[in-house]
Amino acid sequence: AALGGHCVGGGLEVALACDLRVARRGSGKLGLPEVSLGVLPGTGGTQRLARVVGASKAIAMMAGGELVDFEEGERLGLVDRLVDAANEGDFLELVLAHARGFCAPGKAPLAVGLIKRAVKTGAELPLEAGLTLERELQARLFASADAREGVRAFVEKRTPNFEGR
């Protein structure tokens, strides 16, 4: 998620559902202040915020309607990366450049997808079940055309040409 201004309520709930949150330094605040409306953050906010900042801090933030600036959000783990940008256009270019790093040459898209699955699914499982999931996903990758290409490129000392298969 690209956070270039205040990200509160439903906006933060959407951002928490994203893999990464990149924010423009000094441009906004984060929070789930729904308590001021007499309701709770009901679109996943109570669950996702607690998983990011811990249960105690999540309760304090939500029950108090607390807003934090992006810098504090980074310290808490709500913001993965803070960037300095003179304007919105520069900010979006920096966010896109960061995102392209995950799809860059030499990065297998199939492996990136399964890394995300292993982390997100495994985090909800007991450790042994998470390790089993990791082994199963690794076996799928070892059988893939991308893995064969990656090993071949390594041996040949060249950049791999991954196709997501």
N, C-alpha and C. Protein backbone atom coordinates (compact mmCIF):
# COMPACT_ATOMS: atom_id res chain seq x y z
N ALA A 1 0.84 -1.17 0.00
CA ALA A 1 0.00 0.00 0.00
C ALA A 1 0.89 1.24 0.00
N ALA A 2 0.52 2.22 -0.76
CA ALA A 2 1.23 3.50 -0.82
C ALA A 2 0.47 4.49 0.06
N LEU A 3 1.11 4.92 1.15
CA LEU A 3 0.46 5.81 2.11
C LEU A 3 1.03 7.21 1.98
N GLY A 4 0.31 8.06 1.26
CA GLY A 4 0.78 9.42 1.02
C GLY A 4 0.00 10.46 1.79
N GLY A 5 -0.88 10.03 2.67
CA GLY A 5 -1.68 10.92 3.50
C GLY A 5 -2.30 10.11 4.62
N HIS A 6 -3.16 10.74 5.41
CA HIS A 6 -3.76 10.03 6.54
C HIS A 6 -4.35 8.69 6.11
N CYS A 7 -4.17 7.70 6.96
CA CYS A 7 -4.65 6.34 6.69
C CYS A 7 -5.33 5.85 7.97
N VAL A 8 -6.61 6.14 8.08
CA VAL A 8 -7.35 5.82 9.30
C VAL A 8 -8.60 5.03 8.97
N GLY A 9 -9.11 4.32 9.97
CA GLY A 9 -10.34 3.56 9.79
C GLY A 9 -10.21 2.53 8.70
N GLY A 10 -11.19 2.53 7.81
CA GLY A 10 -11.20 1.55 6.72
C GLY A 10 -9.98 1.62 5.83
N GLY A 11 -9.41 2.81 5.67
CA GLY A 11 -8.18 2.93 4.87
C GLY A 11 -7.04 2.13 5.47
N LEU A 12 -6.90 2.19 6.79
CA LEU A 12 -5.85 1.40 7.44
C LEU A 12 -6.18 -0.08 7.38
N GLU A 13 -7.46 -0.42 7.48
CA GLU A 13 -7.82 -1.84 7.38
C GLU A 13 -7.42 -2.40 6.01
N VAL A 14 -7.63 -1.63 4.96
CA VAL A 14 -7.19 -2.07 3.62
C VAL A 14 -5.67 -2.17 3.58
N ALA A 15 -4.98 -1.16 4.10
CA ALA A 15 -3.51 -1.17 4.09
C ALA A 15 -2.96 -2.36 4.88
N LEU A 16 -3.59 -2.70 6.00
CA LEU A 16 -3.14 -3.85 6.79
C LEU A 16 -3.29 -5.16 6.04
N ALA A 17 -4.21 -5.21 5.09
CA ALA A 17 -4.40 -6.42 4.30
C ALA A 17 -3.35 -6.56 3.20
N CYS A 18 -2.57 -5.51 2.97
CA CYS A 18 -1.53 -5.53 1.94
C CYS A 18 -0.24 -6.15 2.48
N ASP A 19 0.58 -6.65 1.57
CA ASP A 19 1.85 -7.26 1.96
C ASP A 19 2.82 -6.25 2.56
N LEU A 20 2.85 -5.06 1.99
CA LEU A 20 3.80 -4.03 2.42
C LEU A 20 3.10 -2.68 2.48
N ARG A 21 3.61 -1.82 3.36
CA ARG A 21 3.09 -0.47 3.47
C ARG A 21 4.26 0.50 3.39
N VAL A 22 4.26 1.33 2.35
CA VAL A 22 5.30 2.34 2.14
C VAL A 22 4.63 3.69 2.36
N ALA A 23 5.25 4.53 3.21
CA ALA A 23 4.65 5.82 3.54
C ALA A 23 5.60 6.96 3.23
N ARG A 24 5.00 8.09 2.88
CA ARG A 24 5.75 9.33 2.64
C ARG A 24 5.98 10.03 3.98
N ARG A 25 7.23 10.18 4.32
CA ARG A 25 7.61 10.76 5.62
C ARG A 25 6.89 12.09 5.86
N GLY A 26 6.32 12.22 7.05
CA GLY A 26 5.70 13.47 7.47
C GLY A 26 4.37 13.80 6.85
N SER A 27 3.77 12.87 6.13
CA SER A 27 2.56 13.23 5.37
C SER A 27 1.26 12.72 5.97
N GLY A 28 1.30 11.99 7.09
CA GLY A 28 0.03 11.51 7.60
C GLY A 28 0.13 10.74 8.89
N LYS A 29 -1.04 10.28 9.31
CA LYS A 29 -1.17 9.49 10.53
C LYS A 29 -1.94 8.21 10.24
N LEU A 30 -1.77 7.25 11.15
CA LEU A 30 -2.41 5.94 11.05
C LEU A 30 -3.24 5.68 12.30
N GLY A 31 -4.33 4.97 12.15
CA GLY A 31 -5.09 4.57 13.32
C GLY A 31 -6.43 3.98 12.97
N LEU A 32 -7.02 3.36 13.97
CA LEU A 32 -8.35 2.78 13.84
C LEU A 32 -9.23 3.41 14.93
N PRO A 33 -9.74 4.63 14.69
CA PRO A 33 -10.48 5.37 15.72
C PRO A 33 -11.98 5.08 15.77
N GLU A 34 -12.40 3.94 15.25
CA GLU A 34 -13.84 3.63 15.19
C GLU A 34 -14.54 3.68 16.54
N VAL A 35 -13.78 3.51 17.64
CA VAL A 35 -14.38 3.58 18.98
C VAL A 35 -15.11 4.91 19.18
N SER A 36 -14.65 5.96 18.52
CA SER A 36 -15.29 7.27 18.62
C SER A 36 -16.65 7.30 17.95
N LEU A 37 -16.92 6.30 17.12
CA LEU A 37 -18.22 6.17 16.46
C LEU A 37 -19.11 5.15 17.17
N GLY A 38 -18.56 4.53 18.22
CA GLY A 38 -19.32 3.53 18.95
C GLY A 38 -19.26 2.15 18.35
N VAL A 39 -18.29 1.93 17.44
CA VAL A 39 -18.15 0.62 16.79
C VAL A 39 -16.69 0.19 16.85
N LEU A 40 -16.42 -1.01 16.38
CA LEU A 40 -15.04 -1.48 16.30
C LEU A 40 -14.62 -1.57 14.84
N PRO A 41 -13.32 -1.65 14.57
CA PRO A 41 -12.85 -1.82 13.20
C PRO A 41 -13.25 -3.22 12.71
N GLY A 42 -14.32 -3.30 11.97
CA GLY A 42 -14.93 -4.59 11.66
C GLY A 42 -14.62 -5.18 10.31
N THR A 43 -13.59 -4.71 9.65
CA THR A 43 -13.22 -5.27 8.35
C THR A 43 -11.83 -5.88 8.44
N GLY A 44 -11.59 -6.57 9.53
CA GLY A 44 -10.30 -7.23 9.73
C GLY A 44 -9.31 -6.44 10.56
N GLY A 45 -9.65 -5.22 10.91
CA GLY A 45 -8.71 -4.36 11.63
C GLY A 45 -8.29 -4.89 12.98
N THR A 46 -9.24 -5.42 13.76
CA THR A 46 -8.88 -5.91 15.09
C THR A 46 -7.90 -7.07 15.00
N GLN A 47 -8.06 -7.90 14.02
CA GLN A 47 -7.20 -9.08 13.88
C GLN A 47 -5.85 -8.73 13.25
N ARG A 48 -5.89 -7.94 12.20
CA ARG A 48 -4.63 -7.62 11.51
C ARG A 48 -3.74 -6.69 12.32
N LEU A 49 -4.33 -5.68 12.96
CA LEU A 49 -3.52 -4.76 13.76
C LEU A 49 -2.82 -5.53 14.89
N ALA A 50 -3.53 -6.42 15.56
CA ALA A 50 -2.93 -7.20 16.65
C ALA A 50 -1.78 -8.07 16.15
N ARG A 51 -1.90 -8.59 14.95
CA ARG A 51 -0.83 -9.43 14.40
C ARG A 51 0.40 -8.61 14.03
N VAL A 52 0.21 -7.34 13.74
CA VAL A 52 1.34 -6.49 13.37
C VAL A 52 2.01 -5.87 14.60
N VAL A 53 1.23 -5.31 15.51
CA VAL A 53 1.82 -4.56 16.63
C VAL A 53 1.75 -5.29 17.96
N GLY A 54 1.07 -6.43 18.00
CA GLY A 54 0.88 -7.15 19.26
C GLY A 54 -0.47 -6.79 19.87
N ALA A 55 -1.00 -7.72 20.66
CA ALA A 55 -2.35 -7.56 21.21
C ALA A 55 -2.47 -6.35 22.12
N SER A 56 -1.53 -6.16 23.04
CA SER A 56 -1.64 -5.05 24.01
C SER A 56 -1.65 -3.70 23.32
N LYS A 57 -0.72 -3.49 22.40
CA LYS A 57 -0.64 -2.20 21.70
C LYS A 57 -1.87 -2.01 20.82
N ALA A 58 -2.35 -3.08 20.18
CA ALA A 58 -3.53 -2.98 19.33
C ALA A 58 -4.75 -2.56 20.15
N ILE A 59 -4.92 -3.18 21.31
CA ILE A 59 -6.04 -2.81 22.18
C ILE A 59 -5.92 -1.35 22.59
N ALA A 60 -4.73 -0.95 23.02
CA ALA A 60 -4.53 0.44 23.44
C ALA A 60 -4.83 1.41 22.30
N MET A 61 -4.35 1.11 21.10
CA MET A 61 -4.58 2.00 19.97
C MET A 61 -6.06 2.09 19.63
N MET A 62 -6.73 0.93 19.55
CA MET A 62 -8.13 0.93 19.13
C MET A 62 -9.06 1.43 20.23
N ALA A 63 -8.86 0.99 21.48
CA ALA A 63 -9.74 1.41 22.57
C ALA A 63 -9.58 2.90 22.87
N GLY A 64 -8.39 3.43 22.62
CA GLY A 64 -8.15 4.86 22.84
C GLY A 64 -8.36 5.71 21.61
N GLY A 65 -8.64 5.08 20.47
CA GLY A 65 -8.79 5.83 19.22
C GLY A 65 -7.51 6.53 18.82
N GLU A 66 -6.37 5.96 19.23
CA GLU A 66 -5.05 6.58 19.05
C GLU A 66 -4.62 6.63 17.59
N LEU A 67 -4.12 7.79 17.19
CA LEU A 67 -3.50 7.95 15.88
C LEU A 67 -2.01 8.13 16.09
N VAL A 68 -1.21 7.53 15.22
CA VAL A 68 0.25 7.69 15.29
C VAL A 68 0.74 8.22 13.95
N ASP A 69 1.82 9.01 13.98
CA ASP A 69 2.37 9.49 12.71
C ASP A 69 3.11 8.35 12.02
N PHE A 70 3.42 8.55 10.75
CA PHE A 70 4.05 7.49 9.96
C PHE A 70 5.39 7.04 10.56
N GLU A 71 6.10 7.97 11.18
CA GLU A 71 7.39 7.62 11.77
C GLU A 71 7.20 6.64 12.94
N GLU A 72 6.22 6.91 13.79
CA GLU A 72 5.90 5.99 14.88
C GLU A 72 5.34 4.68 14.31
N GLY A 73 4.57 4.80 13.23
CA GLY A 73 4.04 3.62 12.56
C GLY A 73 5.15 2.70 12.07
N GLU A 74 6.24 3.31 11.61
CA GLU A 74 7.38 2.49 11.18
C GLU A 74 8.00 1.77 12.38
N ARG A 75 8.15 2.48 13.48
CA ARG A 75 8.72 1.86 14.68
C ARG A 75 7.86 0.69 15.16
N LEU A 76 6.54 0.82 15.02
CA LEU A 76 5.61 -0.23 15.45
C LEU A 76 5.49 -1.38 14.46
N GLY A 77 5.99 -1.19 13.23
CA GLY A 77 5.85 -2.21 12.20
C GLY A 77 4.65 -2.02 11.30
N LEU A 78 3.90 -0.94 11.49
CA LEU A 78 2.75 -0.65 10.63
C LEU A 78 3.20 -0.13 9.27
N VAL A 79 4.34 0.53 9.24
CA VAL A 79 4.93 1.05 8.00
C VAL A 79 6.21 0.27 7.77
N ASP A 80 6.32 -0.34 6.60
CA ASP A 80 7.51 -1.13 6.28
C ASP A 80 8.66 -0.28 5.80
N ARG A 81 8.31 0.84 5.14
CA ARG A 81 9.37 1.70 4.61
C ARG A 81 8.86 3.13 4.55
N LEU A 82 9.67 4.04 5.07
CA LEU A 82 9.40 5.48 4.98
C LEU A 82 10.27 6.05 3.87
N VAL A 83 9.68 6.88 3.03
CA VAL A 83 10.46 7.50 1.96
C VAL A 83 10.30 9.01 2.03
N ASP A 84 11.35 9.70 1.64
CA ASP A 84 11.33 11.16 1.54
C ASP A 84 11.01 11.51 0.10
N ALA A 85 9.98 12.30 -0.10
CA ALA A 85 9.60 12.71 -1.45
C ALA A 85 9.08 14.14 -1.40
N ALA A 86 9.50 14.93 -2.37
CA ALA A 86 9.11 16.34 -2.41
C ALA A 86 7.63 16.52 -2.73
N ASN A 87 7.08 15.58 -3.52
CA ASN A 87 5.68 15.71 -3.92
C ASN A 87 5.08 14.33 -4.16
N GLU A 88 3.78 14.30 -4.41
CA GLU A 88 3.07 13.03 -4.60
C GLU A 88 3.60 12.24 -5.78
N GLY A 89 3.92 12.90 -6.88
CA GLY A 89 4.46 12.21 -8.05
C GLY A 89 5.77 11.51 -7.75
N ASP A 90 6.66 12.21 -7.07
CA ASP A 90 7.94 11.60 -6.68
C ASP A 90 7.70 10.43 -5.74
N PHE A 91 6.75 10.59 -4.81
CA PHE A 91 6.43 9.53 -3.87
C PHE A 91 5.98 8.27 -4.60
N LEU A 92 5.05 8.43 -5.54
CA LEU A 92 4.56 7.26 -6.27
C LEU A 92 5.66 6.59 -7.08
N GLU A 93 6.56 7.36 -7.64
CA GLU A 93 7.70 6.77 -8.37
C GLU A 93 8.58 5.95 -7.43
N LEU A 94 8.82 6.45 -6.22
CA LEU A 94 9.62 5.71 -5.25
C LEU A 94 8.92 4.41 -4.83
N VAL A 95 7.60 4.48 -4.65
CA VAL A 95 6.84 3.28 -4.28
C VAL A 95 6.91 2.25 -5.40
N LEU A 96 6.72 2.70 -6.63
CA LEU A 96 6.78 1.78 -7.77
C LEU A 96 8.17 1.17 -7.91
N ALA A 97 9.20 1.95 -7.71
CA ALA A 97 10.57 1.42 -7.78
C ALA A 97 10.78 0.36 -6.71
N HIS A 98 10.26 0.59 -5.52
CA HIS A 98 10.37 -0.39 -4.44
C HIS A 98 9.64 -1.68 -4.82
N ALA A 99 8.43 -1.54 -5.35
CA ALA A 99 7.64 -2.71 -5.74
C ALA A 99 8.30 -3.48 -6.88
N ARG A 100 8.89 -2.76 -7.82
CA ARG A 100 9.56 -3.44 -8.94
C ARG A 100 10.72 -4.31 -8.46
N GLY A 101 11.29 -3.99 -7.31
CA GLY A 101 12.36 -4.79 -6.76
C GLY A 101 11.95 -6.23 -6.48
N PHE A 102 10.65 -6.46 -6.30
CA PHE A 102 10.15 -7.81 -6.06
C PHE A 102 9.87 -8.56 -7.35
N CYS A 103 9.91 -7.86 -8.46
CA CYS A 103 9.65 -8.46 -9.77
C CYS A 103 10.85 -8.27 -10.68
N ALA A 104 11.98 -7.98 -10.09
CA ALA A 104 13.18 -7.66 -10.86
C ALA A 104 13.75 -8.90 -11.53
N PRO A 105 14.55 -8.71 -12.58
CA PRO A 105 15.24 -9.85 -13.18
C PRO A 105 16.04 -10.57 -12.10
N GLY A 106 16.01 -11.87 -12.17
CA GLY A 106 16.73 -12.66 -11.18
C GLY A 106 15.90 -13.02 -9.96
N LYS A 107 14.64 -12.57 -9.91
CA LYS A 107 13.73 -12.93 -8.82
C LYS A 107 12.60 -13.76 -9.42
N ALA A 108 12.48 -15.00 -9.00
CA ALA A 108 11.47 -15.91 -9.55
C ALA A 108 10.08 -15.57 -9.02
N PRO A 109 9.14 -15.21 -9.89
CA PRO A 109 7.80 -14.84 -9.42
C PRO A 109 7.09 -15.98 -8.71
N LEU A 110 7.29 -17.21 -9.15
CA LEU A 110 6.67 -18.35 -8.49
C LEU A 110 7.18 -18.48 -7.06
N ALA A 111 8.48 -18.31 -6.88
CA ALA A 111 9.07 -18.38 -5.54
C ALA A 111 8.57 -17.23 -4.67
N VAL A 112 8.47 -16.03 -5.22
CA VAL A 112 7.96 -14.89 -4.45
C VAL A 112 6.55 -15.19 -3.95
N GLY A 113 5.70 -15.71 -4.83
CA GLY A 113 4.33 -16.04 -4.44
C GLY A 113 4.27 -17.09 -3.34
N LEU A 114 5.11 -18.10 -3.46
CA LEU A 114 5.09 -19.16 -2.45
C LEU A 114 5.75 -18.73 -1.14
N ILE A 115 6.70 -17.81 -1.20
CA ILE A 115 7.25 -17.23 0.03
C ILE A 115 6.13 -16.51 0.78
N LYS A 116 5.36 -15.70 0.06
CA LYS A 116 4.25 -15.00 0.69
C LYS A 116 3.26 -15.98 1.30
N ARG A 117 2.95 -17.04 0.58
CA ARG A 117 2.00 -18.04 1.09
C ARG A 117 2.56 -18.73 2.33
N ALA A 118 3.84 -19.11 2.30
CA ALA A 118 4.44 -19.78 3.45
C ALA A 118 4.40 -18.89 4.68
N VAL A 119 4.72 -17.62 4.51
CA VAL A 119 4.75 -16.71 5.66
C VAL A 119 3.34 -16.45 6.18
N LYS A 120 2.43 -16.07 5.29
CA LYS A 120 1.09 -15.70 5.72
C LYS A 120 0.31 -16.88 6.28
N THR A 121 0.36 -18.01 5.61
CA THR A 121 -0.35 -19.19 6.10
C THR A 121 0.37 -19.79 7.31
N GLY A 122 1.67 -19.90 7.21
CA GLY A 122 2.45 -20.51 8.28
C GLY A 122 2.37 -19.75 9.59
N ALA A 123 2.22 -18.44 9.52
CA ALA A 123 2.13 -17.63 10.74
C ALA A 123 0.90 -17.97 11.57
N GLU A 124 -0.10 -18.54 10.93
CA GLU A 124 -1.34 -18.90 11.63
C GLU A 124 -1.33 -20.34 12.12
N LEU A 125 -0.26 -21.08 11.84
CA LEU A 125 -0.18 -22.50 12.19
C LEU A 125 0.81 -22.73 13.32
N PRO A 126 0.68 -23.86 14.01
CA PRO A 126 1.76 -24.24 14.94
C PRO A 126 3.06 -24.39 14.15
N LEU A 127 4.20 -24.21 14.81
CA LEU A 127 5.49 -24.23 14.14
C LEU A 127 5.68 -25.48 13.29
N GLU A 128 5.40 -26.65 13.82
CA GLU A 128 5.62 -27.90 13.07
C GLU A 128 4.79 -27.93 11.79
N ALA A 129 3.54 -27.47 11.86
CA ALA A 129 2.69 -27.43 10.67
C ALA A 129 3.22 -26.41 9.67
N GLY A 130 3.73 -25.29 10.17
CA GLY A 130 4.33 -24.29 9.28
C GLY A 130 5.56 -24.83 8.58
N LEU A 131 6.37 -25.58 9.30
CA LEU A 131 7.56 -26.19 8.69
C LEU A 131 7.18 -27.23 7.65
N THR A 132 6.11 -27.98 7.92
CA THR A 132 5.61 -28.95 6.93
C THR A 132 5.14 -28.23 5.68
N LEU A 133 4.39 -27.15 5.85
CA LEU A 133 3.95 -26.35 4.70
C LEU A 133 5.15 -25.86 3.91
N GLU A 134 6.16 -25.36 4.59
CA GLU A 134 7.36 -24.87 3.92
C GLU A 134 8.02 -25.97 3.08
N ARG A 135 8.14 -27.16 3.64
CA ARG A 135 8.74 -28.28 2.89
C ARG A 135 7.90 -28.63 1.66
N GLU A 136 6.57 -28.62 1.80
CA GLU A 136 5.70 -28.93 0.67
C GLU A 136 5.84 -27.89 -0.44
N LEU A 137 5.88 -26.63 -0.06
CA LEU A 137 6.04 -25.57 -1.06
C LEU A 137 7.41 -25.63 -1.71
N GLN A 138 8.44 -25.94 -0.93
CA GLN A 138 9.79 -26.07 -1.48
C GLN A 138 9.85 -27.22 -2.49
N ALA A 139 9.18 -28.33 -2.18
CA ALA A 139 9.14 -29.47 -3.11
C ALA A 139 8.49 -29.05 -4.43
N ARG A 140 7.42 -28.25 -4.35
CA ARG A 140 6.78 -27.75 -5.58
C ARG A 140 7.74 -26.89 -6.37
N LEU A 141 8.49 -26.05 -5.67
CA LEU A 141 9.45 -25.19 -6.37
C LEU A 141 10.57 -26.00 -6.99
N PHE A 142 11.10 -26.99 -6.27
CA PHE A 142 12.18 -27.82 -6.82
C PHE A 142 11.75 -28.52 -8.11
N ALA A 143 10.45 -28.79 -8.25
CA ALA A 143 9.95 -29.46 -9.44
C ALA A 143 9.60 -28.48 -10.56
N SER A 144 9.80 -27.19 -10.35
CA SER A 144 9.37 -26.19 -11.33
C SER A 144 10.43 -25.90 -12.39
N ALA A 145 9.96 -25.40 -13.51
CA ALA A 145 10.86 -24.97 -14.58
C ALA A 145 11.71 -23.80 -14.10
N ASP A 146 11.15 -22.94 -13.25
CA ASP A 146 11.92 -21.81 -12.73
C ASP A 146 13.11 -22.28 -11.91
N ALA A 147 12.94 -23.31 -11.10
CA ALA A 147 14.07 -23.82 -10.30
C ALA A 147 15.16 -24.38 -11.21
N ARG A 148 14.74 -25.11 -12.23
CA ARG A 148 15.74 -25.64 -13.18
C ARG A 148 16.49 -24.50 -13.86
N GLU A 149 15.76 -23.46 -14.25
CA GLU A 149 16.38 -22.30 -14.88
C GLU A 149 17.31 -21.58 -13.91
N GLY A 150 16.89 -21.45 -12.65
CA GLY A 150 17.71 -20.78 -11.65
C GLY A 150 19.04 -21.49 -11.42
N VAL A 151 19.00 -22.81 -11.30
CA VAL A 151 20.23 -23.58 -11.10
C VAL A 151 21.11 -23.50 -12.34
N ARG A 152 20.49 -23.66 -13.51
CA ARG A 152 21.24 -23.59 -14.77
C ARG A 152 21.93 -22.22 -14.91
N ALA A 153 21.20 -21.16 -14.61
CA ALA A 153 21.77 -19.81 -14.72
C ALA A 153 22.91 -19.61 -13.71
N PHE A 154 22.75 -20.17 -12.52
CA PHE A 154 23.80 -20.07 -11.50
C PHE A 154 25.08 -20.75 -11.99
N VAL A 155 24.93 -21.95 -12.52
CA VAL A 155 26.10 -22.71 -13.02
C VAL A 155 26.74 -21.98 -14.19
N GLU A 156 25.91 -21.40 -15.06
CA GLU A 156 26.41 -20.69 -16.24
C GLU A 156 26.79 -19.24 -15.94
N LYS A 157 26.66 -18.82 -14.70
CA LYS A 157 27.02 -17.46 -14.26
C LYS A 157 26.32 -16.37 -15.08
N ARG A 158 24.98 -16.51 -15.19
CA ARG A 158 24.18 -15.52 -15.91
C ARG A 158 22.91 -15.24 -15.11
N THR A 159 22.22 -14.19 -15.49
CA THR A 159 20.95 -13.86 -14.84
C THR A 159 19.88 -14.82 -15.34
N PRO A 160 19.11 -15.42 -14.44
CA PRO A 160 18.07 -16.35 -14.88
C PRO A 160 16.92 -15.63 -15.59
N ASN A 161 16.26 -16.36 -16.47
CA ASN A 161 15.09 -15.86 -17.18
C ASN A 161 13.88 -16.63 -16.66
N PHE A 162 13.32 -16.17 -15.55
CA PHE A 162 12.19 -16.87 -14.94
C PHE A 162 10.90 -16.57 -15.68
N GLU A 163 10.04 -17.58 -15.77
CA GLU A 163 8.76 -17.43 -16.47
C GLU A 163 7.56 -17.71 -15.58
N GLY A 164 7.80 -17.96 -14.30
CA GLY A 164 6.68 -18.23 -13.40
C GLY A 164 6.06 -19.60 -13.58
N ARG A 165 6.89 -20.57 -14.02
CA ARG A 165 6.39 -21.95 -14.21
C ARG A 165 7.28 -22.91 -13.45
